[in-house]
Structures are given as C-alpha cells and as structure tokens.
Amino acid sequence: MLGWDSEHAVNVFGVWTYGTVEVGFQYAKVYPPFDQEEKRREWLKRLKGIDDKALSADSLNRRPNFPLAALADEKKFQQFVETMEWVIKQLQTARDANAG
C-alpha cells in the first residue's frame, strides 16, 4: 500500500491468508500513471509468466488473484518483487509531481 495523500492510499497488491495474491489494478487505475490503460498493460506485461491464466489481458480493470504458491519459484518471486517495486516507484513519482 502506498499513501497517496492524507485521505487516500493505493493498494497495489494484497496477500490473503487463504493462499492467494491479489493484484490491485482496480485500485490503482484511478491514480496516475495507472489511470492510463497502457501503463496498466505494462504492469501486466511485467507479471507475464507468473500465472497467465489469472493475469490475463482482461484483468486490467479488476483485482485478479493467483495462488501464493506460484511465488515459491525463486524466479517468479523475484519478478513479482521487482514489478511491485516498479509500480510503487511509478506511483511515488506521479504523487510527488502532483503534490508540487
């Protein structure tokens, strides 16, 4: 979760106790730069290969989820971490630009 301002936060992903990871496209799509579909497509592309069935092209406006067990693979885990770091950095940059 990234604080956007004193009243709003962006949930970029969630991990649920029943064993799933949820990707927050739906939450992020109202914040720049992810208010642009092309930027969400880039996010989705960066997650390619983790769980292509759950993370399909039609998931850009939803909160798709996939089994947490998919991240047991070191390469997929690293890909997920790097992607979420990228997402947070993109949001931070936009937030900071809008604050000034």
PDB file of N, CA and C in Angstrom:
ATOM      1  N   MET A   1       0.844  -1.169   0.000  1.00  0.00           N
ATOM      2  CA  MET A   1       0.000   0.000   0.000  1.00  0.00           C
ATOM      3  C   MET A   1       0.891   1.235   0.000  1.00  0.00           C
ATOM      4  N   LEU A   2       0.513   2.195  -0.800  1.00  0.00           N
ATOM      5  CA  LEU A   2       1.251   3.446  -0.905  1.00  0.00           C
ATOM      6  C   LEU A   2       0.310   4.586  -0.548  1.00  0.00           C
ATOM      7  N   GLY A   3       0.701   5.401   0.430  1.00  0.00           N
ATOM      8  CA  GLY A   3      -0.092   6.564   0.768  1.00  0.00           C
ATOM      9  C   GLY A   3      -0.043   7.574  -0.362  1.00  0.00           C
ATOM     10  N   TRP A   4      -1.210   7.999  -0.839  1.00  0.00           N
ATOM     11  CA  TRP A   4      -1.272   8.978  -1.917  1.00  0.00           C
ATOM     12  C   TRP A   4      -1.354  10.383  -1.351  1.00  0.00           C
ATOM     13  N   ASP A   5      -2.221  10.553  -0.383  1.00  0.00           N
ATOM     14  CA  ASP A   5      -2.348  11.818   0.342  1.00  0.00           C
ATOM     15  C   ASP A   5      -2.877  11.478   1.734  1.00  0.00           C
ATOM     16  N   SER A   6      -3.298  12.476   2.475  1.00  0.00           N
ATOM     17  CA  SER A   6      -3.721  12.214   3.860  1.00  0.00           C
ATOM     18  C   SER A   6      -5.005  11.397   3.947  1.00  0.00           C
ATOM     19  N   GLU A   7      -5.730  11.278   2.842  1.00  0.00           N
ATOM     20  CA  GLU A   7      -7.004  10.557   2.859  1.00  0.00           C
ATOM     21  C   GLU A   7      -7.047   9.318   1.972  1.00  0.00           C
ATOM     22  N   HIS A   8      -6.051   9.116   1.125  1.00  0.00           N
ATOM     23  CA  HIS A   8      -6.112   8.035   0.140  1.00  0.00           C
ATOM     24  C   HIS A   8      -4.828   7.214   0.124  1.00  0.00           C
ATOM     25  N   ALA A   9      -5.001   5.940  -0.162  1.00  0.00           N
ATOM     26  CA  ALA A   9      -3.875   5.019  -0.318  1.00  0.00           C
ATOM     27  C   ALA A   9      -4.161   4.108  -1.506  1.00  0.00           C
ATOM     28  N   VAL A  10      -3.104   3.652  -2.141  1.00  0.00           N
ATOM     29  CA  VAL A  10      -3.235   2.773  -3.297  1.00  0.00           C
ATOM     30  C   VAL A  10      -2.800   1.371  -2.882  1.00  0.00           C
ATOM     31  N   ASN A  11      -3.699   0.419  -2.998  1.00  0.00           N
ATOM     32  CA  ASN A  11      -3.362  -0.979  -2.726  1.00  0.00           C
ATOM     33  C   ASN A  11      -2.890  -1.614  -4.031  1.00  0.00           C
ATOM     34  N   VAL A  12      -1.596  -1.840  -4.153  1.00  0.00           N
ATOM     35  CA  VAL A  12      -1.073  -2.405  -5.393  1.00  0.00           C
ATOM     36  C   VAL A  12      -1.120  -3.929  -5.403  1.00  0.00           C
ATOM     37  N   PHE A  13      -1.097  -4.517  -4.224  1.00  0.00           N
ATOM     38  CA  PHE A  13      -1.303  -5.957  -4.129  1.00  0.00           C
ATOM     39  C   PHE A  13      -1.692  -6.304  -2.699  1.00  0.00           C
ATOM     40  N   GLY A  14      -2.274  -7.481  -2.550  1.00  0.00           N
ATOM     41  CA  GLY A  14      -2.626  -7.992  -1.233  1.00  0.00           C
ATOM     42  C   GLY A  14      -2.309  -9.472  -1.179  1.00  0.00           C
ATOM     43  N   VAL A  15      -2.011  -9.942   0.000  1.00  0.00           N
ATOM     44  CA  VAL A  15      -1.772 -11.369   0.212  1.00  0.00           C
ATOM     45  C   VAL A  15      -2.815 -11.832   1.220  1.00  0.00           C
ATOM     46  N   TRP A  16      -3.567 -12.840   0.844  1.00  0.00           N
ATOM     47  CA  TRP A  16      -4.671 -13.318   1.672  1.00  0.00           C
ATOM     48  C   TRP A  16      -4.295 -14.601   2.411  1.00  0.00           C
ATOM     49  N   THR A  17      -4.812 -14.745   3.602  1.00  0.00           N
ATOM     50  CA  THR A  17      -4.484 -15.901   4.440  1.00  0.00           C
ATOM     51  C   THR A  17      -4.954 -17.222   3.845  1.00  0.00           C
ATOM     52  N   TYR A  18      -5.881 -17.187   2.925  1.00  0.00           N
ATOM     53  CA  TYR A  18      -6.326 -18.423   2.288  1.00  0.00           C
ATOM     54  C   TYR A  18      -5.452 -18.791   1.092  1.00  0.00           C
ATOM     55  N   GLY A  19      -4.313 -18.081   0.935  1.00  0.00           N
ATOM     56  CA  GLY A  19      -3.305 -18.519  -0.021  1.00  0.00           C
ATOM     57  C   GLY A  19      -3.348 -17.914  -1.400  1.00  0.00           C
ATOM     58  N   THR A  20      -3.825 -16.690  -1.512  1.00  0.00           N
ATOM     59  CA  THR A  20      -3.799 -16.046  -2.815  1.00  0.00           C
ATOM     60  C   THR A  20      -3.124 -14.675  -2.729  1.00  0.00           C
ATOM     61  N   VAL A  21      -2.646 -14.244  -3.878  1.00  0.00           N
ATOM     62  CA  VAL A  21      -2.084 -12.904  -4.042  1.00  0.00           C
ATOM     63  C   VAL A  21      -3.027 -12.170  -4.991  1.00  0.00           C
ATOM     64  N   GLU A  22      -3.441 -10.985  -4.596  1.00  0.00           N
ATOM     65  CA  GLU A  22      -4.345 -10.185  -5.410  1.00  0.00           C
ATOM     66  C   GLU A  22      -3.580  -8.988  -5.969  1.00  0.00           C
ATOM     67  N   VAL A  23      -3.725  -8.739  -7.249  1.00  0.00           N
ATOM     68  CA  VAL A  23      -3.073  -7.607  -7.904  1.00  0.00           C
ATOM     69  C   VAL A  23      -4.100  -6.480  -8.025  1.00  0.00           C
ATOM     70  N   GLY A  24      -3.740  -5.284  -7.584  1.00  0.00           N
ATOM     71  CA  GLY A  24      -4.690  -4.189  -7.452  1.00  0.00           C
ATOM     72  C   GLY A  24      -4.854  -3.266  -8.633  1.00  0.00           C
ATOM     73  N   PHE A  25      -5.013  -3.806  -9.834  1.00  0.00           N
ATOM     74  CA  PHE A  25      -5.252  -2.947 -10.996  1.00  0.00           C
ATOM     75  C   PHE A  25      -6.453  -2.035 -10.760  1.00  0.00           C
ATOM     76  N   GLN A  26      -7.532  -2.596 -10.211  1.00  0.00           N
ATOM     77  CA  GLN A  26      -8.760  -1.833  -9.997  1.00  0.00           C
ATOM     78  C   GLN A  26      -8.535  -0.646  -9.062  1.00  0.00           C
ATOM     79  N   TYR A  27      -7.742  -0.843  -8.031  1.00  0.00           N
ATOM     80  CA  TYR A  27      -7.466   0.246  -7.093  1.00  0.00           C
ATOM     81  C   TYR A  27      -6.547   1.299  -7.702  1.00  0.00           C
ATOM     82  N   ALA A  28      -5.561   0.845  -8.445  1.00  0.00           N
ATOM     83  CA  ALA A  28      -4.553   1.759  -8.989  1.00  0.00           C
ATOM     84  C   ALA A  28      -5.042   2.540 -10.202  1.00  0.00           C
ATOM     85  N   LYS A  29      -6.088   2.072 -10.857  1.00  0.00           N
ATOM     86  CA  LYS A  29      -6.485   2.693 -12.117  1.00  0.00           C
ATOM     87  C   LYS A  29      -7.028   4.116 -11.968  1.00  0.00           C
ATOM     88  N   VAL A  30      -7.232   4.575 -10.766  1.00  0.00           N
ATOM     89  CA  VAL A  30      -7.689   5.960 -10.579  1.00  0.00           C
ATOM     90  C   VAL A  30      -6.538   6.899 -10.232  1.00  0.00           C
ATOM     91  N   TYR A  31      -5.323   6.355 -10.164  1.00  0.00           N
ATOM     92  CA  TYR A  31      -4.143   7.152  -9.827  1.00  0.00           C
ATOM     93  C   TYR A  31      -3.154   7.152 -10.989  1.00  0.00           C
ATOM     94  N   PRO A  32      -2.607   8.340 -11.287  1.00  0.00           N
ATOM     95  CA  PRO A  32      -1.585   8.373 -12.336  1.00  0.00           C
ATOM     96  C   PRO A  32      -0.318   7.663 -11.877  1.00  0.00           C
ATOM     97  N   PRO A  33       0.384   7.047 -12.743  1.00  0.00           N
ATOM     98  CA  PRO A  33       0.165   6.951 -14.179  1.00  0.00           C
ATOM     99  C   PRO A  33      -0.729   5.788 -14.580  1.00  0.00           C
ATOM    100  N   PHE A  34      -1.241   5.033 -13.604  1.00  0.00           N
ATOM    101  CA  PHE A  34      -2.011   3.833 -13.922  1.00  0.00           C
ATOM    102  C   PHE A  34      -3.469   4.130 -14.255  1.00  0.00           C
ATOM    103  N   ASP A  35      -3.815   5.421 -14.300  1.00  0.00           N
ATOM    104  CA  ASP A  35      -5.115   5.793 -14.837  1.00  0.00           C
ATOM    105  C   ASP A  35      -5.117   5.632 -16.361  1.00  0.00           C
ATOM    106  N   GLN A  36      -3.944   5.455 -16.928  1.00  0.00           N
ATOM    107  CA  GLN A  36      -3.800   5.182 -18.355  1.00  0.00           C
ATOM    108  C   GLN A  36      -3.719   3.669 -18.573  1.00  0.00           C
ATOM    109  N   GLU A  37      -4.592   3.158 -19.421  1.00  0.00           N
ATOM    110  CA  GLU A  37      -4.632   1.714 -19.655  1.00  0.00           C
ATOM    111  C   GLU A  37      -3.286   1.182 -20.133  1.00  0.00           C
ATOM    112  N   GLU A  38      -2.591   1.938 -20.951  1.00  0.00           N
ATOM    113  CA  GLU A  38      -1.305   1.481 -21.479  1.00  0.00           C
ATOM    114  C   GLU A  38      -0.307   1.216 -20.345  1.00  0.00           C
ATOM    115  N   LYS A  39      -0.349   2.030 -19.310  1.00  0.00           N
ATOM    116  CA  LYS A  39       0.564   1.836 -18.182  1.00  0.00           C
ATOM    117  C   LYS A  39       0.178   0.580 -17.401  1.00  0.00           C
ATOM    118  N   ARG A  40      -1.127   0.302 -17.269  1.00  0.00           N
ATOM    119  CA  ARG A  40      -1.555  -0.941 -16.611  1.00  0.00           C
ATOM    120  C   ARG A  40      -1.164  -2.145 -17.459  1.00  0.00           C
ATOM    121  N   ARG A  41      -1.199  -1.986 -18.775  1.00  0.00           N
ATOM    122  CA  ARG A  41      -0.760  -3.076 -19.667  1.00  0.00           C
ATOM    123  C   ARG A  41       0.727  -3.373 -19.458  1.00  0.00           C
ATOM    124  N   GLU A  42       1.505  -2.337 -19.262  1.00  0.00           N
ATOM    125  CA  GLU A  42       2.928  -2.537 -19.000  1.00  0.00           C
ATOM    126  C   GLU A  42       3.120  -3.285 -17.678  1.00  0.00           C
ATOM    127  N   TRP A  43       2.364  -2.925 -16.672  1.00  0.00           N
ATOM    128  CA  TRP A  43       2.391  -3.608 -15.371  1.00  0.00           C
ATOM    129  C   TRP A  43       2.063  -5.083 -15.565  1.00  0.00           C
ATOM    130  N   LEU A  44       0.980  -5.335 -16.291  1.00  0.00           N
ATOM    131  CA  LEU A  44       0.576  -6.714 -16.554  1.00  0.00           C
ATOM    132  C   LEU A  44       1.671  -7.468 -17.302  1.00  0.00           C
ATOM    133  N   LYS A  45       2.278  -6.825 -18.287  1.00  0.00           N
ATOM    134  CA  LYS A  45       3.341  -7.459 -19.069  1.00  0.00           C
ATOM    135  C   LYS A  45       4.518  -7.850 -18.178  1.00  0.00           C
ATOM    136  N   ARG A  46       4.824  -7.008 -17.200  1.00  0.00           N
ATOM    137  CA  ARG A  46       5.924  -7.300 -16.278  1.00  0.00           C
ATOM    138  C   ARG A  46       5.626  -8.516 -15.398  1.00  0.00           C
ATOM    139  N   LEU A  47       4.348  -8.846 -15.243  1.00  0.00           N
ATOM    140  CA  LEU A  47       3.955 -10.017 -14.448  1.00  0.00           C
ATOM    141  C   LEU A  47       3.807 -11.274 -15.300  1.00  0.00           C
ATOM    142  N   LYS A  48       4.041 -11.139 -16.592  1.00  0.00           N
ATOM    143  CA  LYS A  48       3.870 -12.258 -17.528  1.00  0.00           C
ATOM    144  C   LYS A  48       4.659 -13.485 -17.082  1.00  0.00           C
ATOM    145  N   GLY A  49       3.982 -14.610 -17.054  1.00  0.00           N
ATOM    146  CA  GLY A  49       4.631 -15.864 -16.708  1.00  0.00           C
ATOM    147  C   GLY A  49       4.414 -16.301 -15.268  1.00  0.00           C
ATOM    148  N   ILE A  50       3.929 -15.412 -14.418  1.00  0.00           N
ATOM    149  CA  ILE A  50       3.686 -15.822 -13.036  1.00  0.00           C
ATOM    150  C   ILE A  50       2.446 -16.702 -12.983  1.00  0.00           C
ATOM    151  N   ASP A  51       1.336 -16.235 -13.556  1.00  0.00           N
ATOM    152  CA  ASP A  51       0.115 -17.028 -13.679  1.00  0.00           C
ATOM    153  C   ASP A  51      -0.692 -16.411 -14.809  1.00  0.00           C
ATOM    154  N   ASP A  52      -0.415 -16.840 -16.021  1.00  0.00           N
ATOM    155  CA  ASP A  52      -1.003 -16.206 -17.193  1.00  0.00           C
ATOM    156  C   ASP A  52      -2.513 -16.388 -17.284  1.00  0.00           C
ATOM    157  N   LYS A  53      -3.046 -17.433 -16.686  1.00  0.00           N
ATOM    158  CA  LYS A  53      -4.498 -17.621 -16.707  1.00  0.00           C
ATOM    159  C   LYS A  53      -5.173 -16.551 -15.846  1.00  0.00           C
ATOM    160  N   ALA A  54      -4.691 -16.345 -14.636  1.00  0.00           N
ATOM    161  CA  ALA A  54      -5.284 -15.348 -13.739  1.00  0.00           C
ATOM    162  C   ALA A  54      -4.967 -13.936 -14.187  1.00  0.00           C
ATOM    163  N   LEU A  55      -3.758 -13.734 -14.691  1.00  0.00           N
ATOM    164  CA  LEU A  55      -3.302 -12.403 -15.086  1.00  0.00           C
ATOM    165  C   LEU A  55      -3.424 -12.241 -16.595  1.00  0.00           C
ATOM    166  N   SER A  56      -4.658 -12.322 -17.066  1.00  0.00           N
ATOM    167  CA  SER A  56      -4.925 -12.229 -18.497  1.00  0.00           C
ATOM    168  C   SER A  56      -5.196 -10.781 -18.889  1.00  0.00           C
ATOM    169  N   ALA A  57      -5.249 -10.535 -20.184  1.00  0.00           N
ATOM    170  CA  ALA A  57      -5.428  -9.178 -20.705  1.00  0.00           C
ATOM    171  C   ALA A  57      -6.716  -8.527 -20.215  1.00  0.00           C
ATOM    172  N   ASP A  58      -7.727  -9.322 -19.905  1.00  0.00           N
ATOM    173  CA  ASP A  58      -8.991  -8.736 -19.451  1.00  0.00           C
ATOM    174  C   ASP A  58      -9.010  -8.414 -17.952  1.00  0.00           C
ATOM    175  N   SER A  59      -7.879  -8.546 -17.284  1.00  0.00           N
ATOM    176  CA  SER A  59      -7.832  -8.289 -15.844  1.00  0.00           C
ATOM    177  C   SER A  59      -7.392  -6.870 -15.491  1.00  0.00           C
ATOM    178  N   LEU A  60      -7.198  -6.016 -16.480  1.00  0.00           N
ATOM    179  CA  LEU A  60      -6.629  -4.677 -16.255  1.00  0.00           C
ATOM    180  C   LEU A  60      -7.492  -3.752 -15.411  1.00  0.00           C
ATOM    181  N   ASN A  61      -8.773  -4.035 -15.300  1.00  0.00           N
ATOM    182  CA  ASN A  61      -9.676  -3.185 -14.533  1.00  0.00           C
ATOM    183  C   ASN A  61     -10.230  -3.902 -13.306  1.00  0.00           C
ATOM    184  N   ARG A  62      -9.635  -5.033 -12.987  1.00  0.00           N
ATOM    185  CA  ARG A  62     -10.131  -5.847 -11.871  1.00  0.00           C
ATOM    186  C   ARG A  62      -9.032  -6.049 -10.839  1.00  0.00           C
ATOM    187  N   ARG A  63      -9.289  -6.979  -9.934  1.00  0.00           N
ATOM    188  CA  ARG A  63      -8.316  -7.380  -8.916  1.00  0.00           C
ATOM    189  C   ARG A  63      -8.066  -8.883  -9.067  1.00  0.00           C
ATOM    190  N   PRO A  64      -7.345  -9.272 -10.121  1.00  0.00           N
ATOM    191  CA  PRO A  64      -7.111 -10.697 -10.335  1.00  0.00           C
ATOM    192  C   PRO A  64      -6.258 -11.274  -9.205  1.00  0.00           C
ATOM    193  N   ASN A  65      -6.430 -12.556  -8.988  1.00  0.00           N
ATOM    194  CA  ASN A  65      -5.605 -13.205  -7.968  1.00  0.00           C
ATOM    195  C   ASN A  65      -5.057 -14.513  -8.497  1.00  0.00           C
ATOM    196  N   PHE A  66      -3.978 -14.934  -7.870  1.00  0.00           N
ATOM    197  CA  PHE A  66      -3.340 -16.191  -8.237  1.00  0.00           C
ATOM    198  C   PHE A  66      -2.832 -16.850  -6.960  1.00  0.00           C
ATOM    199  N   PRO A  67      -2.566 -18.152  -7.007  1.00  0.00           N
ATOM    200  CA  PRO A  67      -2.103 -18.854  -5.806  1.00  0.00           C
ATOM    201  C   PRO A  67      -0.755 -18.326  -5.313  1.00  0.00           C
ATOM    202  N   LEU A  68      -0.657 -18.108  -4.036  1.00  0.00           N
ATOM    203  CA  LEU A  68       0.598 -17.682  -3.421  1.00  0.00           C
ATOM    204  C   LEU A  68       1.709 -18.677  -3.731  1.00  0.00           C
ATOM    205  N   ALA A  69       1.350 -19.932  -3.880  1.00  0.00           N
ATOM    206  CA  ALA A  69       2.323 -20.987  -4.179  1.00  0.00           C
ATOM    207  C   ALA A  69       3.079 -20.717  -5.476  1.00  0.00           C
ATOM    208  N   ALA A  70       2.503 -19.930  -6.378  1.00  0.00           N
ATOM    209  CA  ALA A  70       3.200 -19.600  -7.633  1.00  0.00           C
ATOM    210  C   ALA A  70       4.496 -18.850  -7.355  1.00  0.00           C
ATOM    211  N   LEU A  71       4.556 -18.144  -6.216  1.00  0.00           N
ATOM    212  CA  LEU A  71       5.752 -17.368  -5.884  1.00  0.00           C
ATOM    213  C   LEU A  71       6.796 -18.189  -5.137  1.00  0.00           C
ATOM    214  N   ALA A  72       6.544 -19.492  -4.983  1.00  0.00           N
ATOM    215  CA  ALA A  72       7.547 -20.363  -4.368  1.00  0.00           C
ATOM    216  C   ALA A  72       8.745 -20.531  -5.303  1.00  0.00           C
ATOM    217  N   ASP A  73       8.503 -20.361  -6.589  1.00  0.00           N
ATOM    218  CA  ASP A  73       9.576 -20.384  -7.573  1.00  0.00           C
ATOM    219  C   ASP A  73      10.370 -19.087  -7.432  1.00  0.00           C
ATOM    220  N   GLU A  74      11.670 -19.191  -7.176  1.00  0.00           N
ATOM    221  CA  GLU A  74      12.516 -18.031  -6.905  1.00  0.00           C
ATOM    222  C   GLU A  74      12.479 -16.996  -8.029  1.00  0.00           C
ATOM    223  N   LYS A  75      12.492 -17.461  -9.261  1.00  0.00           N
ATOM    224  CA  LYS A  75      12.486 -16.547 -10.408  1.00  0.00           C
ATOM    225  C   LYS A  75      11.170 -15.760 -10.466  1.00  0.00           C
ATOM    226  N   LYS A  76      10.048 -16.439 -10.238  1.00  0.00           N
ATOM    227  CA  LYS A  76       8.748 -15.764 -10.252  1.00  0.00           C
ATOM    228  C   LYS A  76       8.619 -14.802  -9.064  1.00  0.00           C
ATOM    229  N   PHE A  77       9.134 -15.213  -7.916  1.00  0.00           N
ATOM    230  CA  PHE A  77       9.099 -14.334  -6.743  1.00  0.00           C
ATOM    231  C   PHE A  77       9.888 -13.058  -7.019  1.00  0.00           C
ATOM    232  N   GLN A  78      11.070 -13.193  -7.564  1.00  0.00           N
ATOM    233  CA  GLN A  78      11.908 -12.034  -7.874  1.00  0.00           C
ATOM    234  C   GLN A  78      11.226 -11.135  -8.903  1.00  0.00           C
ATOM    235  N   GLN A  79      10.609 -11.740  -9.900  1.00  0.00           N
ATOM    236  CA  GLN A  79       9.878 -10.990 -10.917  1.00  0.00           C
ATOM    237  C   GLN A  79       8.741 -10.194 -10.269  1.00  0.00           C
ATOM    238  N   PHE A  80       8.014 -10.824  -9.357  1.00  0.00           N
ATOM    239  CA  PHE A  80       6.913 -10.158  -8.675  1.00  0.00           C
ATOM    240  C   PHE A  80       7.416  -8.981  -7.836  1.00  0.00           C
ATOM    241  N   VAL A  81       8.461  -9.194  -7.067  1.00  0.00           N
ATOM    242  CA  VAL A  81       9.028  -8.137  -6.221  1.00  0.00           C
ATOM    243  C   VAL A  81       9.506  -6.967  -7.079  1.00  0.00           C
ATOM    244  N   GLU A  82      10.251  -7.257  -8.116  1.00  0.00           N
ATOM    245  CA  GLU A  82      10.764  -6.192  -8.983  1.00  0.00           C
ATOM    246  C   GLU A  82       9.626  -5.421  -9.656  1.00  0.00           C
ATOM    247  N   THR A  83       8.589  -6.131 -10.054  1.00  0.00           N
ATOM    248  CA  THR A  83       7.444  -5.467 -10.679  1.00  0.00           C
ATOM    249  C   THR A  83       6.734  -4.555  -9.688  1.00  0.00           C
ATOM    250  N   MET A  84       6.504  -5.038  -8.477  1.00  0.00           N
ATOM    251  CA  MET A  84       5.811  -4.205  -7.496  1.00  0.00           C
ATOM    252  C   MET A  84       6.666  -3.017  -7.057  1.00  0.00           C
ATOM    253  N   GLU A  85       7.964  -3.189  -7.009  1.00  0.00           N
ATOM    254  CA  GLU A  85       8.841  -2.050  -6.727  1.00  0.00           C
ATOM    255  C   GLU A  85       8.726  -1.009  -7.836  1.00  0.00           C
ATOM    256  N   TRP A  86       8.656  -1.473  -9.073  1.00  0.00           N
ATOM    257  CA  TRP A  86       8.478  -0.577 -10.213  1.00  0.00           C
ATOM    258  C   TRP A  86       7.144   0.164 -10.116  1.00  0.00           C
ATOM    259  N   VAL A  87       6.073  -0.561  -9.798  1.00  0.00           N
ATOM    260  CA  VAL A  87       4.745   0.045  -9.665  1.00  0.00           C
ATOM    261  C   VAL A  87       4.768   1.134  -8.594  1.00  0.00           C
ATOM    262  N   ILE A  88       5.320   0.823  -7.445  1.00  0.00           N
ATOM    263  CA  ILE A  88       5.372   1.794  -6.348  1.00  0.00           C
ATOM    264  C   ILE A  88       6.187   3.016  -6.746  1.00  0.00           C
ATOM    265  N   LYS A  89       7.292   2.808  -7.424  1.00  0.00           N
ATOM    266  CA  LYS A  89       8.126   3.925  -7.870  1.00  0.00           C
ATOM    267  C   LYS A  89       7.362   4.807  -8.856  1.00  0.00           C
ATOM    268  N   GLN A  90       6.626   4.193  -9.773  1.00  0.00           N
ATOM    269  CA  GLN A  90       5.817   4.946 -10.728  1.00  0.00           C
ATOM    270  C   GLN A  90       4.781   5.806 -10.004  1.00  0.00           C
ATOM    271  N   LEU A  91       4.118   5.222  -9.023  1.00  0.00           N
ATOM    272  CA  LEU A  91       3.106   5.948  -8.256  1.00  0.00           C
ATOM    273  C   LEU A  91       3.731   7.067  -7.422  1.00  0.00           C
ATOM    274  N   GLN A  92       4.867   6.781  -6.785  1.00  0.00           N
ATOM    275  CA  GLN A  92       5.543   7.799  -5.982  1.00  0.00           C
ATOM    276  C   GLN A  92       5.943   9.000  -6.843  1.00  0.00           C
ATOM    277  N   THR A  93       6.472   8.736  -8.012  1.00  0.00           N
ATOM    278  CA  THR A  93       6.888   9.801  -8.913  1.00  0.00           C
ATOM    279  C   THR A  93       5.700  10.671  -9.306  1.00  0.00           C
ATOM    280  N   ALA A  94       4.570  10.032  -9.661  1.00  0.00           N
ATOM    281  CA  ALA A  94       3.369  10.780 -10.038  1.00  0.00           C
ATOM    282  C   ALA A  94       2.799  11.546  -8.849  1.00  0.00           C
ATOM    283  N   ARG A  95       2.783  10.902  -7.686  1.00  0.00           N
ATOM    284  CA  ARG A  95       2.270  11.558  -6.478  1.00  0.00           C
ATOM    285  C   ARG A  95       3.090  12.804  -6.153  1.00  0.00           C
ATOM    286  N   ASP A  96       4.401  12.662  -6.171  1.00  0.00           N
ATOM    287  CA  ASP A  96       5.283  13.767  -5.830  1.00  0.00           C
ATOM    288  C   ASP A  96       5.175  14.911  -6.844  1.00  0.00           C
ATOM    289  N   ALA A  97       4.989  14.569  -8.116  1.00  0.00           N
ATOM    290  CA  ALA A  97       4.828  15.586  -9.160  1.00  0.00           C
ATOM    291  C   ALA A  97       3.509  16.342  -8.976  1.00  0.00           C
ATOM    292  N   ASN A  98       2.462  15.637  -8.534  1.00  0.00           N
ATOM    293  CA  ASN A  98       1.171  16.274  -8.329  1.00  0.00           C
ATOM    294  C   ASN A  98       1.113  17.084  -7.047  1.00  0.00           C
ATOM    295  N   ALA A  99       1.982  16.787  -6.114  1.00  0.00           N
ATOM    296  CA  ALA A  99       1.980  17.487  -4.820  1.00  0.00           C
ATOM    297  C   ALA A  99       2.594  18.874  -4.935  1.00  0.00           C
ATOM    298  N   GLY A 100       3.441  19.079  -5.931  1.00  0.00           N
ATOM    299  CA  GLY A 100       4.171  20.329  -6.065  1.00  0.00           C
ATOM    300  C   GLY A 100       3.482  21.350  -6.836  1.00  0.00           C
TER     301      GLY A 100
END
